[in-house]
């Protein structure tokens, strides 16, 4: 018995990469830290907001790697000489990854009041109709 997957459907040609992206996303760690929001800010505009309280701008990096938005944070340890009676504020390093669709680009990022905002924009695809000539065999 053959396993029918999304990309193996006979009417979907060339979508193998999409299936690999879905598998990669499912495997990515999802421990809930740091929390984030994704909002739609227009027809072709999105914003990802990540709660990064305690992180400075130089502790954060935002990169796009192989159509994947990667947000990393690493705080410097400056706890020398400090005695905590209770430590409830998470200050560990993190990595959050978001797979970007074709045509979605990062238009900017800003750190504001402990929140990192990453703005995304989708380029509108141009409707192109191309005529294919039929040749005789």
C-alpha atoms as a PDB file:
ATOM      1  CA  UNK A   1       0.000   0.000   0.000  1.00  0.00           C
ATOM      2  CA  UNK A   2       1.410   3.388  -1.030  1.00  0.00           C
ATOM      3  CA  UNK A   3       1.237   6.255   1.429  1.00  0.00           C
ATOM      4  CA  UNK A   4      -0.393   9.255  -0.235  1.00  0.00           C
ATOM      5  CA  UNK A   5       1.132  12.482   1.016  1.00  0.00           C
ATOM      6  CA  UNK A   6       0.253  16.077   0.284  1.00  0.00           C
ATOM      7  CA  UNK A   7       3.035  16.560  -2.260  1.00  0.00           C
ATOM      8  CA  UNK A   8       2.386  13.262  -4.026  1.00  0.00           C
ATOM      9  CA  UNK A   9      -1.103  14.220  -5.221  1.00  0.00           C
ATOM     10  CA  UNK A  10      -1.095  14.026  -9.045  1.00  0.00           C
ATOM     11  CA  UNK A  11      -2.437  17.585  -9.513  1.00  0.00           C
ATOM     12  CA  UNK A  12       0.192  19.208  -7.266  1.00  0.00           C
ATOM     13  CA  UNK A  13       3.455  19.283  -9.191  1.00  0.00           C
ATOM     14  CA  UNK A  14       6.651  20.643  -7.649  1.00  0.00           C
ATOM     15  CA  UNK A  15       5.330  21.028  -4.088  1.00  0.00           C
ATOM     16  CA  UNK A  16       7.855  18.663  -2.484  1.00  0.00           C
ATOM     17  CA  UNK A  17       9.577  21.648  -0.863  1.00  0.00           C
ATOM     18  CA  UNK A  18       6.306  22.620   0.826  1.00  0.00           C
ATOM     19  CA  UNK A  19       6.049  19.182   2.405  1.00  0.00           C
ATOM     20  CA  UNK A  20       9.647  19.476   3.660  1.00  0.00           C
ATOM     21  CA  UNK A  21       8.832  22.894   5.161  1.00  0.00           C
ATOM     22  CA  UNK A  22       5.820  21.471   7.007  1.00  0.00           C
ATOM     23  CA  UNK A  23       7.944  18.628   8.391  1.00  0.00           C
ATOM     24  CA  UNK A  24      10.707  21.043   9.460  1.00  0.00           C
ATOM     25  CA  UNK A  25       8.183  23.264  11.223  1.00  0.00           C
ATOM     26  CA  UNK A  26       6.610  20.318  13.046  1.00  0.00           C
ATOM     27  CA  UNK A  27      10.031  19.176  14.294  1.00  0.00           C
ATOM     28  CA  UNK A  28      11.071  22.591  15.612  1.00  0.00           C
ATOM     29  CA  UNK A  29      11.073  22.905  19.379  1.00  0.00           C
ATOM     30  CA  UNK A  30       8.018  24.635  20.748  1.00  0.00           C
ATOM     31  CA  UNK A  31       8.663  25.155  24.443  1.00  0.00           C
ATOM     32  CA  UNK A  32       6.634  28.366  24.711  1.00  0.00           C
ATOM     33  CA  UNK A  33       9.586  30.641  25.554  1.00  0.00           C
ATOM     34  CA  UNK A  34       9.570  33.430  24.767  1.00  0.00           C
ATOM     35  CA  UNK A  35       5.882  34.067  24.123  1.00  0.00           C
ATOM     36  CA  UNK A  36       4.942  35.724  20.838  1.00  0.00           C
ATOM     37  CA  UNK A  37       2.025  37.130  18.868  1.00  0.00           C
ATOM     38  CA  UNK A  38       1.437  37.122  15.128  1.00  0.00           C
ATOM     39  CA  UNK A  39      -0.925  39.760  13.805  1.00  0.00           C
ATOM     40  CA  UNK A  40      -2.159  40.649  10.358  1.00  0.00           C
ATOM     41  CA  UNK A  41      -1.767  44.374   9.843  1.00  0.00           C
ATOM     42  CA  UNK A  42      -3.154  44.639   6.343  1.00  0.00           C
ATOM     43  CA  UNK A  43      -3.850  42.661   3.206  1.00  0.00           C
ATOM     44  CA  UNK A  44      -0.148  41.868   2.704  1.00  0.00           C
ATOM     45  CA  UNK A  45       1.429  42.912   6.018  1.00  0.00           C
ATOM     46  CA  UNK A  46       2.145  40.964   9.192  1.00  0.00           C
ATOM     47  CA  UNK A  47       3.858  41.629  12.522  1.00  0.00           C
ATOM     48  CA  UNK A  48       5.497  39.131  14.828  1.00  0.00           C
ATOM     49  CA  UNK A  49       5.881  40.444  18.383  1.00  0.00           C
ATOM     50  CA  UNK A  50       8.173  38.554  20.755  1.00  0.00           C
ATOM     51  CA  UNK A  51       8.263  39.282  24.512  1.00  0.00           C
ATOM     52  CA  UNK A  52      11.961  39.827  25.256  1.00  0.00           C
ATOM     53  CA  UNK A  53      11.899  41.659  28.583  1.00  0.00           C
ATOM     54  CA  UNK A  54      15.399  42.017  29.994  1.00  0.00           C
ATOM     55  CA  UNK A  55      17.131  41.600  26.630  1.00  0.00           C
ATOM     56  CA  UNK A  56      19.070  44.507  25.162  1.00  0.00           C
ATOM     57  CA  UNK A  57      19.267  45.242  21.454  1.00  0.00           C
ATOM     58  CA  UNK A  58      22.804  43.813  21.286  1.00  0.00           C
ATOM     59  CA  UNK A  59      21.559  40.563  22.918  1.00  0.00           C
ATOM     60  CA  UNK A  60      19.140  39.890  20.027  1.00  0.00           C
ATOM     61  CA  UNK A  61      19.608  38.885  16.410  1.00  0.00           C
ATOM     62  CA  UNK A  62      17.060  38.651  13.606  1.00  0.00           C
ATOM     63  CA  UNK A  63      18.121  36.779  10.472  1.00  0.00           C
ATOM     64  CA  UNK A  64      16.538  35.164   7.435  1.00  0.00           C
ATOM     65  CA  UNK A  65      18.083  31.790   6.633  1.00  0.00           C
ATOM     66  CA  UNK A  66      16.736  29.691   3.773  1.00  0.00           C
ATOM     67  CA  UNK A  67      13.236  31.282   3.819  1.00  0.00           C
ATOM     68  CA  UNK A  68      13.129  30.961   7.602  1.00  0.00           C
ATOM     69  CA  UNK A  69      12.981  33.942   9.959  1.00  0.00           C
ATOM     70  CA  UNK A  70      15.177  33.151  12.974  1.00  0.00           C
ATOM     71  CA  UNK A  71      15.094  35.277  16.131  1.00  0.00           C
ATOM     72  CA  UNK A  72      17.805  34.537  18.696  1.00  0.00           C
ATOM     73  CA  UNK A  73      18.447  35.971  22.116  1.00  0.00           C
ATOM     74  CA  UNK A  74      21.385  35.488  24.457  1.00  0.00           C
ATOM     75  CA  UNK A  75      21.684  37.452  27.687  1.00  0.00           C
ATOM     76  CA  UNK A  76      25.002  38.139  29.317  1.00  0.00           C
ATOM     77  CA  UNK A  77      25.419  36.704  32.783  1.00  0.00           C
ATOM     78  CA  UNK A  78      25.940  39.604  35.186  1.00  0.00           C
ATOM     79  CA  UNK A  79      24.773  37.850  38.340  1.00  0.00           C
ATOM     80  CA  UNK A  80      28.142  37.983  40.091  1.00  0.00           C
ATOM     81  CA  UNK A  81      27.655  39.100  43.651  1.00  0.00           C
ATOM     82  CA  UNK A  82      23.843  39.036  43.457  1.00  0.00           C
ATOM     83  CA  UNK A  83      21.851  36.857  45.843  1.00  0.00           C
ATOM     84  CA  UNK A  84      18.358  35.945  44.641  1.00  0.00           C
ATOM     85  CA  UNK A  85      15.740  34.957  47.188  1.00  0.00           C
ATOM     86  CA  UNK A  86      13.429  34.113  44.292  1.00  0.00           C
ATOM     87  CA  UNK A  87      14.303  34.081  40.604  1.00  0.00           C
ATOM     88  CA  UNK A  88      11.163  34.007  38.490  1.00  0.00           C
ATOM     89  CA  UNK A  89      12.250  36.100  35.513  1.00  0.00           C
ATOM     90  CA  UNK A  90      13.495  33.865  32.750  1.00  0.00           C
ATOM     91  CA  UNK A  91      16.767  35.060  31.324  1.00  0.00           C
ATOM     92  CA  UNK A  92      17.869  32.121  29.236  1.00  0.00           C
ATOM     93  CA  UNK A  93      18.908  32.089  25.634  1.00  0.00           C
ATOM     94  CA  UNK A  94      16.311  31.262  23.014  1.00  0.00           C
ATOM     95  CA  UNK A  95      15.736  30.698  19.337  1.00  0.00           C
ATOM     96  CA  UNK A  96      12.384  31.123  17.570  1.00  0.00           C
ATOM     97  CA  UNK A  97      11.991  30.217  13.907  1.00  0.00           C
ATOM     98  CA  UNK A  98       9.160  31.048  11.513  1.00  0.00           C
ATOM     99  CA  UNK A  99       8.960  29.662   7.964  1.00  0.00           C
ATOM    100  CA  UNK A 100       8.276  32.432   5.437  1.00  0.00           C
ATOM    101  CA  UNK A 101       6.179  31.875   2.339  1.00  0.00           C
ATOM    102  CA  UNK A 102       7.533  32.715  -1.083  1.00  0.00           C
ATOM    103  CA  UNK A 103       7.461  36.488  -1.540  1.00  0.00           C
ATOM    104  CA  UNK A 104       7.271  37.344   2.185  1.00  0.00           C
ATOM    105  CA  UNK A 105      10.127  39.602   3.251  1.00  0.00           C
ATOM    106  CA  UNK A 106      11.184  41.218   6.518  1.00  0.00           C
ATOM    107  CA  UNK A 107      10.573  44.950   6.217  1.00  0.00           C
ATOM    108  CA  UNK A 108      11.947  45.943   9.621  1.00  0.00           C
ATOM    109  CA  UNK A 109      12.488  45.145  13.287  1.00  0.00           C
ATOM    110  CA  UNK A 110      12.372  47.327  16.386  1.00  0.00           C
ATOM    111  CA  UNK A 111      12.714  46.842  20.126  1.00  0.00           C
ATOM    112  CA  UNK A 112      10.174  48.767  22.179  1.00  0.00           C
ATOM    113  CA  UNK A 113       9.249  48.397  25.878  1.00  0.00           C
ATOM    114  CA  UNK A 114      10.534  44.819  26.139  1.00  0.00           C
ATOM    115  CA  UNK A 115       8.819  43.723  22.928  1.00  0.00           C
ATOM    116  CA  UNK A 116      10.623  42.912  19.691  1.00  0.00           C
ATOM    117  CA  UNK A 117       8.441  43.758  16.683  1.00  0.00           C
ATOM    118  CA  UNK A 118       9.363  42.171  13.345  1.00  0.00           C
ATOM    119  CA  UNK A 119       7.350  43.495  10.408  1.00  0.00           C
ATOM    120  CA  UNK A 120       6.774  41.361   7.321  1.00  0.00           C
ATOM    121  CA  UNK A 121       5.416  42.279   3.903  1.00  0.00           C
ATOM    122  CA  UNK A 122       4.284  40.091   1.034  1.00  0.00           C
ATOM    123  CA  UNK A 123       5.160  41.201  -2.449  1.00  0.00           C
ATOM    124  CA  UNK A 124       2.116  41.051  -4.688  1.00  0.00           C
ATOM    125  CA  UNK A 125       2.622  38.430  -7.379  1.00  0.00           C
ATOM    126  CA  UNK A 126       2.323  39.711 -10.896  1.00  0.00           C
ATOM    127  CA  UNK A 127      -0.315  37.923 -12.934  1.00  0.00           C
ATOM    128  CA  UNK A 128       1.551  36.746 -16.006  1.00  0.00           C
ATOM    129  CA  UNK A 129      -0.095  34.745 -18.736  1.00  0.00           C
ATOM    130  CA  UNK A 130       2.370  33.071 -21.052  1.00  0.00           C
ATOM    131  CA  UNK A 131       1.339  31.382 -24.270  1.00  0.00           C
ATOM    132  CA  UNK A 132       3.004  28.031 -25.020  1.00  0.00           C
ATOM    133  CA  UNK A 133       3.373  27.234 -28.702  1.00  0.00           C
ATOM    134  CA  UNK A 134       2.497  23.696 -29.756  1.00  0.00           C
ATOM    135  CA  UNK A 135       4.951  22.144 -32.199  1.00  0.00           C
ATOM    136  CA  UNK A 136       4.464  19.183 -34.473  1.00  0.00           C
ATOM    137  CA  UNK A 137       6.210  15.932 -33.656  1.00  0.00           C
END
